[in-house]
C-alpha atoms as a PDB file:
ATOM      1  CA  MET A   1     169.072 136.828 487.307  1.00  0.00           C
ATOM      2  CA  THR A   2     172.505 135.302 486.828  1.00  0.00           C
ATOM      3  CA  THR A   3     175.498 137.504 486.336  1.00  0.00           C
ATOM      4  CA  LYS A   4     177.811 137.024 483.408  1.00  0.00           C
ATOM      5  CA  LYS A   5     181.239 135.730 484.418  1.00  0.00           C
ATOM      6  CA  LYS A   6     184.035 138.060 483.473  1.00  0.00           C
ATOM      7  CA  ARG A   7     186.916 136.715 481.441  1.00  0.00           C
ATOM      8  CA  LEU A   8     190.231 136.043 483.091  1.00  0.00           C
ATOM      9  CA  THR A   9     192.974 138.552 482.475  1.00  0.00           C
ATOM     10  CA  GLN A  10     196.247 137.410 480.967  1.00  0.00           C
ATOM     11  CA  ARG A  11     197.888 137.805 484.394  1.00  0.00           C
ATOM     12  CA  GLU A  12     195.252 135.485 485.963  1.00  0.00           C
ATOM     13  CA  LYS A  13     195.682 132.930 483.171  1.00  0.00           C
ATOM     14  CA  THR A  14     199.466 132.967 483.661  1.00  0.00           C
ATOM     15  CA  GLU A  15     199.072 132.587 487.429  1.00  0.00           C
ATOM     16  CA  ASN A  16     196.650 129.661 487.001  1.00  0.00           C
ATOM     17  CA  ALA A  17     199.077 127.959 484.594  1.00  0.00           C
ATOM     18  CA  ARG A  18     201.954 128.435 487.071  1.00  0.00           C
ATOM     19  CA  ILE A  19     199.894 126.969 489.936  1.00  0.00           C
ATOM     20  CA  LYS A  20     198.861 124.023 487.767  1.00  0.00           C
ATOM     21  CA  LYS A  21     202.511 123.302 486.874  1.00  0.00           C
ATOM     22  CA  GLU A  22     203.485 123.417 490.561  1.00  0.00           C
ATOM     23  CA  MET A  23     200.675 121.041 491.494  1.00  0.00           C
ATOM     24  CA  GLN A  24     201.765 118.675 488.715  1.00  0.00           C
ATOM     25  CA  LYS A  25     205.360 118.826 489.957  1.00  0.00           C
ATOM     26  CA  GLU A  26     204.207 118.004 493.506  1.00  0.00           C
ATOM     27  CA  GLY A  27     202.131 115.093 492.208  1.00  0.00           C
ATOM     28  CA  ILE A  28     198.768 116.559 493.197  1.00  0.00           C
ATOM     29  CA  LEU A  29     197.614 116.797 489.576  1.00  0.00           C
ATOM     30  CA  PRO A  30     198.492 114.262 486.861  1.00  0.00           C
ATOM     31  CA  PRO A  31     200.787 115.422 484.042  1.00  0.00           C
ATOM     32  CA  ASP A  32     199.228 116.712 480.817  1.00  0.00           C
ATOM     33  CA  LYS A  33     198.372 113.948 478.373  1.00  0.00           C
ATOM     34  CA  ALA A  34     199.690 114.111 474.817  1.00  0.00           C
ATOM     35  CA  ARG A  35     196.955 114.489 472.198  1.00  0.00           C
ATOM     36  CA  LEU A  36     196.008 111.326 470.347  1.00  0.00           C
ATOM     37  CA  ASN A  37     197.243 111.233 466.762  1.00  0.00           C
ATOM     38  CA  ARG A  38     194.013 109.824 465.322  1.00  0.00           C
ATOM     39  CA  LYS A  39     195.343 108.902 461.878  1.00  0.00           C
ATOM     40  CA  LYS A  40     198.339 107.059 463.321  1.00  0.00           C
ATOM     41  CA  PHE A  41     196.107 105.344 465.895  1.00  0.00           C
ATOM     42  CA  ALA A  42     193.666 104.255 463.155  1.00  0.00           C
ATOM     43  CA  ARG A  43     196.478 102.842 460.985  1.00  0.00           C
ATOM     44  CA  GLU A  44     197.993 100.912 463.894  1.00  0.00           C
ATOM     45  CA  VAL A  45     194.674  99.477 465.079  1.00  0.00           C
ATOM     46  CA  MET A  46     193.586  98.459 461.575  1.00  0.00           C
ATOM     47  CA  ALA A  47     196.938  96.723 461.000  1.00  0.00           C
ATOM     48  CA  GLU A  48     196.738  94.862 464.324  1.00  0.00           C
ATOM     49  CA  PHE A  49     193.129  93.845 463.731  1.00  0.00           C
ATOM     50  CA  GLY A  50     193.970  92.686 460.197  1.00  0.00           C
ATOM     51  CA  GLU A  51     196.609  90.316 461.583  1.00  0.00           C
ATOM     52  CA  MET A  52     194.120  88.590 463.899  1.00  0.00           C
ATOM     53  CA  ASP A  53     192.654  85.175 463.144  1.00  0.00           C
ATOM     54  CA  VAL A  54     189.121  85.597 461.736  1.00  0.00           C
ATOM     55  CA  PHE A  55     187.405  83.515 464.426  1.00  0.00           C
ATOM     56  CA  ALA A  56     189.378  85.088 467.257  1.00  0.00           C
ATOM     57  CA  ALA A  57     188.664  88.537 465.809  1.00  0.00           C
ATOM     58  CA  ASP A  58     184.920  87.803 465.870  1.00  0.00           C
ATOM     59  CA  LEU A  59     185.060  86.656 469.497  1.00  0.00           C
ATOM     60  CA  TYR A  60     187.140  89.593 470.715  1.00  0.00           C
ATOM     61  CA  LEU A  61     185.200  92.111 468.632  1.00  0.00           C
ATOM     62  CA  ARG A  62     181.979  90.945 470.302  1.00  0.00           C
ATOM     63  CA  ARG A  63     183.613  91.317 473.731  1.00  0.00           C
ATOM     64  CA  ALA A  64     184.845  94.803 472.855  1.00  0.00           C
ATOM     65  CA  ILE A  65     181.399  95.834 471.643  1.00  0.00           C
ATOM     66  CA  GLY A  66     179.967  94.519 474.909  1.00  0.00           C
ATOM     67  CA  CYS A  67     182.353  96.807 476.794  1.00  0.00           C
ATOM     68  CA  MET A  68     181.125  99.825 474.842  1.00  0.00           C
ATOM     69  CA  VAL A  69     177.336  99.378 474.572  1.00  0.00           C
ATOM     70  CA  SER A  70     174.467  97.521 476.199  1.00  0.00           C
ATOM     71  CA  GLU A  71     170.693  97.393 475.935  1.00  0.00           C
ATOM     72  CA  ASP A  72     170.129  99.606 478.975  1.00  0.00           C
ATOM     73  CA  MET A  73     172.449 102.604 478.700  1.00  0.00           C
ATOM     74  CA  PRO A  74     171.301 105.561 480.811  1.00  0.00           C
ATOM     75  CA  ARG A  75     173.204 107.995 478.604  1.00  0.00           C
ATOM     76  CA  VAL A  76     174.530 107.400 475.082  1.00  0.00           C
ATOM     77  CA  SER A  77     177.819 109.123 474.171  1.00  0.00           C
ATOM     78  CA  GLU A  78     179.061 109.963 470.670  1.00  0.00           C
ATOM     79  CA  GLU A  79     181.469 107.020 470.818  1.00  0.00           C
ATOM     80  CA  GLN A  80     178.628 104.676 471.715  1.00  0.00           C
ATOM     81  CA  VAL A  81     176.540 106.009 468.815  1.00  0.00           C
ATOM     82  CA  GLY A  82     179.469 105.131 466.532  1.00  0.00           C
ATOM     83  CA  VAL A  83     179.545 101.565 467.862  1.00  0.00           C
ATOM     84  CA  LEU A  84     175.765 101.294 467.496  1.00  0.00           C
ATOM     85  CA  LYS A  85     176.010 102.522 463.887  1.00  0.00           C
ATOM     86  CA  LEU A  86     178.605  99.817 463.243  1.00  0.00           C
ATOM     87  CA  LEU A  87     176.189  97.204 464.592  1.00  0.00           C
ATOM     88  CA  LYS A  88     173.332  98.656 462.515  1.00  0.00           C
ATOM     89  CA  ILE A  89     175.461  98.438 459.355  1.00  0.00           C
ATOM     90  CA  ALA A  90     176.094  94.761 460.134  1.00  0.00           C
ATOM     91  CA  VAL A  91     172.350  94.104 460.599  1.00  0.00           C
ATOM     92  CA  GLU A  92     171.402  96.006 457.438  1.00  0.00           C
ATOM     93  CA  THR A  93     174.136  94.218 455.467  1.00  0.00           C
ATOM     94  CA  GLN A  94     172.596  90.886 456.416  1.00  0.00           C
ATOM     95  CA  LYS A  95     169.151  92.119 455.302  1.00  0.00           C
ATOM     96  CA  PHE A  96     170.672  93.406 452.044  1.00  0.00           C
ATOM     97  CA  MET A  97     172.338  90.064 451.332  1.00  0.00           C
ATOM     98  CA  LYS A  98     169.121  88.140 452.065  1.00  0.00           C
ATOM     99  CA  ALA A  99     167.187  90.451 449.723  1.00  0.00           C
ATOM    100  CA  LEU A 100     169.754  89.793 446.983  1.00  0.00           C
ATOM    101  CA  GLU A 101     169.405  86.072 447.585  1.00  0.00           C
ATOM    102  CA  ALA A 102     165.604  86.339 447.327  1.00  0.00           C
ATOM    103  CA  GLU A 103     166.007  88.104 443.969  1.00  0.00           C
ATOM    104  CA  GLY A 104     168.283  85.290 442.819  1.00  0.00           C
ATOM    105  CA  ARG A 105     171.317  87.568 442.628  1.00  0.00           C
ATOM    106  CA  THR A 106     174.812  86.842 443.871  1.00  0.00           C
ATOM    107  CA  GLN A 107     176.529  90.057 442.792  1.00  0.00           C
ATOM    108  CA  TYR A 108     175.987  93.714 443.591  1.00  0.00           C
ATOM    109  CA  THR A 109     177.803  96.967 442.987  1.00  0.00           C
ATOM    110  CA  ILE A 110     179.608  98.865 445.698  1.00  0.00           C
ATOM    111  CA  GLY A 111     177.451 101.897 444.890  1.00  0.00           C
ATOM    112  CA  GLU A 112     174.278  99.864 445.393  1.00  0.00           C
ATOM    113  CA  TYR A 113     175.546  98.596 448.754  1.00  0.00           C
ATOM    114  CA  VAL A 114     176.647 102.044 449.903  1.00  0.00           C
ATOM    115  CA  ASP A 115     173.360 103.678 448.818  1.00  0.00           C
ATOM    116  CA  LYS A 116     171.100 101.063 450.408  1.00  0.00           C
ATOM    117  CA  VAL A 117     173.059 100.174 453.543  1.00  0.00           C
ATOM    118  CA  VAL A 118     175.875 102.518 454.525  1.00  0.00           C
ATOM    119  CA  LEU A 119     174.689 106.048 453.688  1.00  0.00           C
ATOM    120  CA  PRO A 120     171.284 105.829 455.406  1.00  0.00           C
ATOM    121  CA  ILE A 121     173.009 104.780 458.644  1.00  0.00           C
ATOM    122  CA  ARG A 122     175.900 107.239 458.427  1.00  0.00           C
ATOM    123  CA  SER A 123     173.439 110.097 457.986  1.00  0.00           C
ATOM    124  CA  LEU A 124     171.531 109.262 461.197  1.00  0.00           C
END
């Protein structure tokens, strides 16, 4: 039977923090990383991507996707699932557009697109 680990006391936590700071000062441990401001990061990336040439963006987006996912991934992280969902939305969008074409339609509503393509994939 395993024993339950006891929580550290405040004195132990303080001591561990002091030792960590010393090790960082000596260069043994890397300095603490600042947290990523996700909203700012998203705005900056979307702006940079929007400025790219369409054909170059397609080429580099495919390369970036190739860096994130492949057909034979031993373990799939949350980030990789997000990339795979992006790819699935692209595939389902193509199917949706071909179905519209087969019906002889050229227009669709955003709600129709979201209901048939986006929401089923986002809820996976």
